[in-house]
Amino acid sequence: MKKVVEFLNANPVQYLATVGRDGKAKCRPFMFCLEKEGKLWFCTNNTKEVYKDMQANPEIEISVSSSTYSWIRISGKAVFEDNLEVKEECMLNPIINGQYEEASNPIFEVFYLVDAKAVIADFSGNPPKEYSL
């Protein structure tokens, strides 16, 4: 988990892929919020299409590459939870705070991944490192 969190924190804008409600792939820029009690937490807005897509099909994948040409892919199931403690921790990020202003904002949603698997790889020829989260 530590290597996965380090990679996400070092590369703050990831890309989250869903299957849209129209059956087509959708990919959007996203931000990792935090790791808490062994869970990777993210946030979104419940008026966005991505939220509606994840409600219809919670299986997602997140990917990002680093400036050194390594990358991570994380797949799992998004589980939304009305967790005020996590929302308050997310609000410490000035970008998130600027969008939602307070943890109790009714459109502010947080979710974590279950049955998550991560792969960190690069072009070195070395085998990828796999993690069950």
Protein backbone atom coordinates (compact mmCIF):
# COMPACT_ATOMS: atom_id res chain seq x y z
CA MET A 1 0.00 0.00 0.00
CA LYS A 2 2.81 2.41 0.89
CA LYS A 3 4.35 2.33 -2.63
CA VAL A 4 0.93 2.86 -4.23
CA VAL A 5 0.14 5.87 -2.01
CA GLU A 6 3.61 7.34 -2.62
CA PHE A 7 3.13 7.00 -6.39
CA LEU A 8 -0.32 8.64 -6.30
CA ASN A 9 0.89 11.50 -4.09
CA ALA A 10 3.91 12.10 -6.34
CA ASN A 11 1.66 12.25 -9.43
CA PRO A 12 -1.37 14.19 -8.23
CA VAL A 13 -3.51 14.22 -11.37
CA GLN A 14 -4.59 10.71 -12.27
CA TYR A 15 -7.08 9.52 -14.87
CA LEU A 16 -10.17 7.60 -13.82
CA ALA A 17 -11.92 5.36 -16.35
CA THR A 18 -15.51 4.19 -16.13
CA VAL A 19 -18.00 2.50 -18.38
CA GLY A 20 -20.49 5.22 -19.17
CA ARG A 21 -24.20 4.69 -18.95
CA ASP A 22 -24.14 4.72 -22.74
CA GLY A 23 -21.87 1.64 -22.66
CA LYS A 24 -18.83 3.57 -23.89
CA ALA A 25 -15.51 4.08 -22.11
CA LYS A 26 -15.06 7.39 -20.29
CA CYS A 27 -11.79 8.73 -18.90
CA ARG A 28 -11.43 11.83 -16.74
CA PRO A 29 -8.73 13.62 -14.74
CA PHE A 30 -9.06 12.87 -11.04
CA MET A 31 -7.19 13.35 -7.77
CA PHE A 32 -6.33 10.88 -5.04
CA CYS A 33 -7.38 12.25 -1.66
CA LEU A 34 -5.86 10.03 1.01
CA GLU A 35 -5.24 6.59 2.44
CA LYS A 36 -7.07 5.84 5.67
CA GLU A 37 -7.29 2.52 7.46
CA GLY A 38 -6.03 0.65 4.42
CA LYS A 39 -8.46 2.26 1.97
CA LEU A 40 -7.68 4.56 -0.97
CA TRP A 41 -10.14 7.48 -0.85
CA PHE A 42 -11.20 9.76 -3.70
CA CYS A 43 -13.92 12.37 -4.03
CA THR A 44 -16.33 13.75 -6.59
CA ASN A 45 -19.50 15.75 -7.01
CA ASN A 46 -22.86 13.94 -7.08
CA THR A 47 -24.12 16.14 -9.93
CA LYS A 48 -21.36 14.98 -12.30
CA GLU A 49 -21.70 12.32 -14.97
CA VAL A 50 -18.79 10.36 -13.44
CA TYR A 51 -20.76 9.95 -10.21
CA LYS A 52 -23.81 8.74 -12.11
CA ASP A 53 -21.65 6.34 -14.16
CA MET A 54 -20.08 4.88 -11.00
CA GLN A 55 -23.52 4.46 -9.44
CA ALA A 56 -24.59 2.44 -12.49
CA ASN A 57 -21.33 0.45 -12.72
CA PRO A 58 -18.87 0.89 -9.83
CA GLU A 59 -15.99 -0.99 -11.54
CA ILE A 60 -13.32 1.61 -12.33
CA GLU A 61 -9.67 1.89 -13.24
CA ILE A 62 -7.24 4.68 -12.38
CA SER A 63 -3.95 5.30 -14.15
CA VAL A 64 -1.17 7.87 -14.14
CA SER A 65 2.42 8.00 -15.34
CA SER A 66 5.39 9.72 -13.77
CA SER A 67 7.97 12.00 -15.34
CA THR A 68 10.40 9.05 -15.21
CA TYR A 69 8.18 6.93 -17.48
CA SER A 70 6.81 4.61 -14.84
CA TRP A 71 3.09 4.20 -14.37
CA ILE A 72 0.45 2.79 -12.11
CA ARG A 73 -2.87 1.16 -12.89
CA ILE A 74 -5.39 0.56 -10.11
CA SER A 75 -8.62 -1.31 -10.64
CA GLY A 76 -11.40 -1.88 -8.15
CA LYS A 77 -14.97 -1.23 -7.18
CA ALA A 78 -15.98 2.26 -6.02
CA VAL A 79 -17.89 2.25 -2.73
CA PHE A 80 -19.48 5.55 -1.74
CA GLU A 81 -19.72 6.29 1.97
CA ASP A 82 -21.04 9.35 3.76
CA ASN A 83 -17.94 9.63 5.95
CA LEU A 84 -17.63 13.11 7.48
CA GLU A 85 -14.19 12.37 8.95
CA VAL A 86 -12.78 11.49 5.52
CA LYS A 87 -14.52 14.48 3.95
CA GLU A 88 -12.91 16.78 6.52
CA GLU A 89 -9.47 15.31 5.75
CA CYS A 90 -10.09 15.77 2.02
CA MET A 91 -10.89 19.43 2.68
CA LEU A 92 -7.25 19.99 3.74
CA ASN A 93 -6.43 19.92 0.01
CA PRO A 94 -6.84 23.52 -1.21
CA ILE A 95 -8.19 22.39 -4.58
CA ILE A 96 -10.93 20.29 -2.99
CA ASN A 97 -11.62 22.98 -0.40
CA GLY A 98 -11.96 25.55 -3.18
CA GLN A 99 -14.55 23.41 -4.97
CA TYR A 100 -16.71 22.35 -2.01
CA GLU A 101 -15.87 24.93 0.72
CA GLU A 102 -17.01 22.64 3.56
CA ALA A 103 -17.17 18.94 4.28
CA SER A 104 -20.94 19.07 4.77
CA ASN A 105 -21.58 20.35 1.23
CA PRO A 106 -24.48 18.16 -0.01
CA ILE A 107 -22.92 17.55 -3.44
CA PHE A 108 -19.55 16.45 -1.98
CA GLU A 109 -19.11 12.66 -2.15
CA VAL A 110 -16.24 10.41 -1.08
CA PHE A 111 -15.55 6.86 -2.14
CA TYR A 112 -12.95 4.17 -1.61
CA LEU A 113 -11.95 1.11 -3.60
CA VAL A 114 -12.62 -2.51 -2.66
CA ASP A 115 -11.14 -5.60 -4.29
CA ALA A 116 -8.49 -3.22 -5.60
CA LYS A 117 -5.38 -4.31 -7.41
CA ALA A 118 -2.49 -2.08 -8.43
CA VAL A 119 0.34 -2.58 -10.89
CA ILE A 120 3.39 -0.32 -11.02
CA ALA A 121 5.47 -0.76 -14.17
CA ASP A 122 8.06 1.00 -16.31
CA PHE A 123 10.07 0.54 -19.51
CA SER A 124 13.08 -1.00 -17.74
CA GLY A 125 12.26 -4.53 -18.78
CA ASN A 126 11.85 -5.53 -15.13
CA PRO A 127 8.59 -7.28 -14.28
CA PRO A 128 5.77 -5.05 -13.01
CA LYS A 129 5.12 -4.94 -9.27
CA GLU A 130 1.63 -6.05 -8.29
CA TYR A 131 -0.25 -5.14 -5.13
CA SER A 132 -3.56 -6.31 -3.68
CA LEU A 133 -5.14 -3.47 -1.74
